[in-house]
Amino acid sequence: MLVKDVIKKEDLDLTKAELVELIQHGNRQVDLVFAEKKTDEDGYLSWNQENWVSVDGKRFICSYFRDGKALSEFSGYNISDINNYFEPDKAVEVRLG
């Protein structure tokens, strides 16, 4: 998938596994921008952008944004969970920071 590296100012062709590796061991942030708003299963939270970072290579934090504004909610995941919740293939834009 096409990934815009905003640090190195270049476009990259990376897989989901390569993005996870960059978050986990490269100390990089991945921003996912979605065309449609996503909603949690309770209907409490809706967002159209996610920012993914790693705390220590084992734990991951996903922060949520709606229309460019940060929401106070976030989620924590471990390496086993990230494959179920990290969905760069569904994003219209993937940025590497």
N, C-alpha and C. Protein backbone atom coordinates (compact mmCIF):
# COMPACT_ATOMS: atom_id res chain seq x y z
N MET A 1 0.84 -1.17 0.00
CA MET A 1 0.00 0.00 0.00
C MET A 1 0.88 1.24 0.00
N LEU A 2 0.33 2.31 -0.50
CA LEU A 2 1.07 3.57 -0.58
C LEU A 2 1.07 4.25 0.79
N VAL A 3 2.26 4.59 1.27
CA VAL A 3 2.43 5.24 2.57
C VAL A 3 3.24 6.50 2.35
N LYS A 4 2.73 7.62 2.87
CA LYS A 4 3.45 8.89 2.77
C LYS A 4 4.32 9.06 4.02
N ASP A 5 5.63 9.07 3.84
CA ASP A 5 6.56 9.29 4.94
C ASP A 5 6.75 10.80 5.07
N VAL A 6 6.17 11.40 6.10
CA VAL A 6 6.22 12.85 6.25
C VAL A 6 7.56 13.32 6.83
N ILE A 7 8.34 12.42 7.38
CA ILE A 7 9.67 12.77 7.91
C ILE A 7 10.69 12.82 6.77
N LYS A 8 10.73 11.75 6.00
CA LYS A 8 11.70 11.65 4.90
C LYS A 8 11.18 12.26 3.61
N LYS A 9 9.92 12.70 3.61
CA LYS A 9 9.29 13.34 2.45
C LYS A 9 9.36 12.47 1.19
N GLU A 10 8.87 11.22 1.34
CA GLU A 10 8.84 10.31 0.21
C GLU A 10 7.64 9.37 0.34
N ASP A 11 7.25 8.77 -0.77
CA ASP A 11 6.19 7.78 -0.78
C ASP A 11 6.82 6.40 -0.77
N LEU A 12 6.26 5.52 0.05
CA LEU A 12 6.77 4.16 0.19
C LEU A 12 5.67 3.16 -0.13
N ASP A 13 6.06 1.99 -0.56
CA ASP A 13 5.13 0.89 -0.77
C ASP A 13 5.40 -0.13 0.33
N LEU A 14 4.56 -0.14 1.38
CA LEU A 14 4.78 -1.00 2.54
C LEU A 14 3.59 -1.91 2.79
N THR A 15 3.86 -3.03 3.42
CA THR A 15 2.80 -3.94 3.82
C THR A 15 2.36 -3.61 5.25
N LYS A 16 1.28 -4.21 5.67
CA LYS A 16 0.80 -4.04 7.04
C LYS A 16 1.87 -4.50 8.03
N ALA A 17 2.50 -5.63 7.77
CA ALA A 17 3.54 -6.15 8.66
C ALA A 17 4.73 -5.20 8.77
N GLU A 18 5.10 -4.57 7.66
CA GLU A 18 6.20 -3.60 7.69
C GLU A 18 5.83 -2.35 8.49
N LEU A 19 4.58 -1.93 8.39
CA LEU A 19 4.13 -0.79 9.19
C LEU A 19 4.15 -1.12 10.68
N VAL A 20 3.68 -2.30 11.04
CA VAL A 20 3.71 -2.73 12.44
C VAL A 20 5.15 -2.75 12.94
N GLU A 21 6.07 -3.25 12.14
CA GLU A 21 7.49 -3.29 12.50
C GLU A 21 8.04 -1.88 12.73
N LEU A 22 7.67 -0.93 11.89
CA LEU A 22 8.13 0.45 12.06
C LEU A 22 7.55 1.08 13.32
N ILE A 23 6.32 0.77 13.65
CA ILE A 23 5.73 1.28 14.89
C ILE A 23 6.42 0.63 16.08
N GLN A 24 6.57 -0.68 16.01
CA GLN A 24 7.08 -1.45 17.14
C GLN A 24 8.56 -1.18 17.43
N HIS A 25 9.38 -1.19 16.40
CA HIS A 25 10.83 -1.10 16.61
C HIS A 25 11.47 0.16 16.03
N GLY A 26 10.75 0.88 15.19
CA GLY A 26 11.32 2.05 14.55
C GLY A 26 10.94 3.36 15.21
N ASN A 27 10.14 3.28 16.30
CA ASN A 27 9.70 4.47 17.01
C ASN A 27 9.01 5.46 16.08
N ARG A 28 8.15 4.95 15.21
CA ARG A 28 7.43 5.78 14.25
C ARG A 28 5.94 5.75 14.57
N GLN A 29 5.24 6.79 14.15
CA GLN A 29 3.80 6.89 14.30
C GLN A 29 3.16 6.67 12.95
N VAL A 30 2.06 5.94 12.92
CA VAL A 30 1.30 5.73 11.69
C VAL A 30 -0.08 6.35 11.87
N ASP A 31 -0.43 7.23 10.94
CA ASP A 31 -1.74 7.87 10.92
C ASP A 31 -2.58 7.25 9.82
N LEU A 32 -3.78 6.85 10.16
CA LEU A 32 -4.71 6.27 9.20
C LEU A 32 -5.89 7.22 9.06
N VAL A 33 -6.19 7.62 7.83
CA VAL A 33 -7.33 8.50 7.56
C VAL A 33 -8.36 7.68 6.77
N PHE A 34 -9.59 7.67 7.25
CA PHE A 34 -10.65 6.89 6.64
C PHE A 34 -11.65 7.79 5.91
N ALA A 35 -12.23 7.30 4.84
CA ALA A 35 -13.21 8.06 4.07
C ALA A 35 -14.52 8.20 4.85
N GLU A 36 -14.91 7.16 5.52
CA GLU A 36 -16.16 7.14 6.29
C GLU A 36 -15.85 7.11 7.78
N LYS A 37 -16.73 7.66 8.57
CA LYS A 37 -16.56 7.60 10.02
C LYS A 37 -16.75 6.17 10.50
N LYS A 38 -15.91 5.79 11.46
CA LYS A 38 -16.03 4.50 12.11
C LYS A 38 -16.69 4.73 13.47
N THR A 39 -17.40 3.74 13.96
CA THR A 39 -18.08 3.84 15.24
C THR A 39 -17.81 2.59 16.06
N ASP A 40 -17.66 2.77 17.38
CA ASP A 40 -17.46 1.61 18.24
C ASP A 40 -18.77 0.82 18.35
N GLU A 41 -18.69 -0.35 18.92
CA GLU A 41 -19.85 -1.24 18.95
C GLU A 41 -21.00 -0.70 19.81
N ASP A 42 -20.72 0.22 20.74
CA ASP A 42 -21.77 0.79 21.57
C ASP A 42 -22.37 2.06 20.98
N GLY A 43 -21.78 2.57 19.89
CA GLY A 43 -22.26 3.80 19.29
C GLY A 43 -21.84 5.04 20.07
N TYR A 44 -20.94 4.87 21.02
CA TYR A 44 -20.49 5.97 21.87
C TYR A 44 -19.48 6.88 21.17
N LEU A 45 -18.60 6.27 20.41
CA LEU A 45 -17.47 6.99 19.82
C LEU A 45 -17.49 6.85 18.31
N SER A 46 -17.27 7.96 17.60
CA SER A 46 -17.11 7.89 16.14
C SER A 46 -15.88 8.70 15.77
N TRP A 47 -15.15 8.24 14.76
CA TRP A 47 -13.89 8.87 14.36
C TRP A 47 -13.62 8.57 12.89
N ASN A 48 -12.72 9.35 12.29
CA ASN A 48 -12.31 9.07 10.92
C ASN A 48 -10.79 9.14 10.74
N GLN A 49 -10.07 9.19 11.86
CA GLN A 49 -8.61 9.12 11.80
C GLN A 49 -8.10 8.43 13.06
N GLU A 50 -7.07 7.59 12.88
CA GLU A 50 -6.42 6.91 13.99
C GLU A 50 -4.92 7.20 13.93
N ASN A 51 -4.31 7.38 15.09
CA ASN A 51 -2.86 7.53 15.18
C ASN A 51 -2.34 6.39 16.04
N TRP A 52 -1.42 5.61 15.50
CA TRP A 52 -0.87 4.44 16.18
C TRP A 52 0.57 4.67 16.57
N VAL A 53 0.92 4.39 17.83
CA VAL A 53 2.29 4.46 18.33
C VAL A 53 2.52 3.27 19.25
N SER A 54 3.80 3.00 19.52
CA SER A 54 4.15 1.94 20.47
C SER A 54 4.76 2.57 21.71
N VAL A 55 4.40 2.02 22.85
CA VAL A 55 4.92 2.50 24.12
C VAL A 55 6.32 1.94 24.37
N ASP A 56 6.46 0.64 24.21
CA ASP A 56 7.72 -0.03 24.54
C ASP A 56 8.04 -1.20 23.61
N GLY A 57 7.42 -1.23 22.46
CA GLY A 57 7.63 -2.34 21.53
C GLY A 57 6.70 -3.51 21.78
N LYS A 58 5.99 -3.49 22.91
CA LYS A 58 5.06 -4.56 23.26
C LYS A 58 3.62 -4.06 23.37
N ARG A 59 3.49 -2.79 23.74
CA ARG A 59 2.16 -2.20 23.90
C ARG A 59 1.99 -1.09 22.88
N PHE A 60 0.76 -1.00 22.35
CA PHE A 60 0.44 -0.02 21.31
C PHE A 60 -0.73 0.84 21.77
N ILE A 61 -0.70 2.10 21.37
CA ILE A 61 -1.78 3.04 21.70
C ILE A 61 -2.36 3.58 20.41
N CYS A 62 -3.67 3.55 20.33
CA CYS A 62 -4.39 4.12 19.19
C CYS A 62 -5.19 5.32 19.71
N SER A 63 -4.90 6.50 19.17
CA SER A 63 -5.64 7.71 19.50
C SER A 63 -6.61 8.00 18.36
N TYR A 64 -7.74 8.60 18.72
CA TYR A 64 -8.81 8.81 17.75
C TYR A 64 -9.02 10.30 17.47
N PHE A 65 -9.37 10.60 16.22
CA PHE A 65 -9.64 11.97 15.78
C PHE A 65 -10.91 11.97 14.93
N ARG A 66 -11.66 13.04 15.02
CA ARG A 66 -12.83 13.21 14.16
C ARG A 66 -12.72 14.57 13.49
N ASP A 67 -12.68 14.55 12.18
CA ASP A 67 -12.60 15.78 11.38
C ASP A 67 -11.44 16.67 11.82
N GLY A 68 -10.29 16.04 12.12
CA GLY A 68 -9.09 16.78 12.47
C GLY A 68 -8.96 17.16 13.93
N LYS A 69 -9.96 16.88 14.74
CA LYS A 69 -9.91 17.23 16.16
C LYS A 69 -9.67 15.98 17.00
N ALA A 70 -8.72 16.10 17.93
CA ALA A 70 -8.38 14.97 18.80
C ALA A 70 -9.53 14.69 19.77
N LEU A 71 -9.85 13.42 19.93
CA LEU A 71 -10.84 13.00 20.91
C LEU A 71 -10.11 12.56 22.17
N SER A 72 -10.76 12.62 23.30
CA SER A 72 -10.10 12.26 24.55
C SER A 72 -9.96 10.75 24.73
N GLU A 73 -10.61 9.99 23.92
CA GLU A 73 -10.56 8.52 24.02
C GLU A 73 -9.34 7.96 23.31
N PHE A 74 -8.83 6.85 23.83
CA PHE A 74 -7.76 6.10 23.19
C PHE A 74 -7.90 4.65 23.59
N SER A 75 -7.21 3.76 22.89
CA SER A 75 -7.25 2.34 23.19
C SER A 75 -5.84 1.80 23.28
N GLY A 76 -5.64 0.81 24.13
CA GLY A 76 -4.35 0.15 24.26
C GLY A 76 -4.44 -1.27 23.75
N TYR A 77 -3.41 -1.70 23.06
CA TYR A 77 -3.38 -3.04 22.48
C TYR A 77 -2.02 -3.67 22.71
N ASN A 78 -1.98 -5.00 22.68
CA ASN A 78 -0.69 -5.69 22.71
C ASN A 78 -0.40 -6.22 21.30
N ILE A 79 0.75 -6.82 21.13
CA ILE A 79 1.18 -7.26 19.79
C ILE A 79 0.23 -8.31 19.22
N SER A 80 -0.39 -9.10 20.06
CA SER A 80 -1.33 -10.11 19.56
C SER A 80 -2.61 -9.47 19.03
N ASP A 81 -3.04 -8.37 19.65
CA ASP A 81 -4.28 -7.71 19.26
C ASP A 81 -4.14 -6.83 18.02
N ILE A 82 -2.96 -6.33 17.77
CA ILE A 82 -2.80 -5.29 16.75
C ILE A 82 -3.25 -5.78 15.37
N ASN A 83 -3.06 -7.05 15.07
CA ASN A 83 -3.47 -7.55 13.75
C ASN A 83 -4.98 -7.50 13.55
N ASN A 84 -5.75 -7.50 14.63
CA ASN A 84 -7.20 -7.45 14.53
C ASN A 84 -7.75 -6.02 14.44
N TYR A 85 -7.00 -5.05 14.95
CA TYR A 85 -7.52 -3.68 15.05
C TYR A 85 -6.81 -2.66 14.18
N PHE A 86 -5.59 -2.91 13.80
CA PHE A 86 -4.82 -2.02 12.95
C PHE A 86 -5.16 -2.34 11.50
N GLU A 87 -5.86 -1.40 10.81
CA GLU A 87 -6.39 -1.67 9.48
C GLU A 87 -5.95 -0.63 8.45
N PRO A 88 -4.67 -0.61 8.10
CA PRO A 88 -4.22 0.38 7.11
C PRO A 88 -4.79 0.12 5.72
N ASP A 89 -5.17 -1.11 5.44
CA ASP A 89 -5.72 -1.45 4.12
C ASP A 89 -7.10 -0.83 3.90
N LYS A 90 -7.78 -0.40 4.95
CA LYS A 90 -9.10 0.23 4.82
C LYS A 90 -9.02 1.76 4.80
N ALA A 91 -7.82 2.29 4.98
CA ALA A 91 -7.65 3.75 5.03
C ALA A 91 -7.49 4.31 3.63
N VAL A 92 -7.94 5.54 3.43
CA VAL A 92 -7.75 6.23 2.16
C VAL A 92 -6.39 6.91 2.11
N GLU A 93 -5.82 7.16 3.30
CA GLU A 93 -4.49 7.75 3.38
C GLU A 93 -3.74 7.17 4.56
N VAL A 94 -2.49 6.78 4.34
CA VAL A 94 -1.64 6.25 5.40
C VAL A 94 -0.39 7.14 5.44
N ARG A 95 -0.15 7.72 6.63
CA ARG A 95 1.03 8.59 6.80
C ARG A 95 1.95 8.01 7.86
N LEU A 96 3.23 8.08 7.60
CA LEU A 96 4.24 7.61 8.54
C LEU A 96 4.97 8.82 9.08
N GLY A 97 4.90 8.99 10.40
CA GLY A 97 5.53 10.14 11.04
C GLY A 97 6.67 9.74 11.94
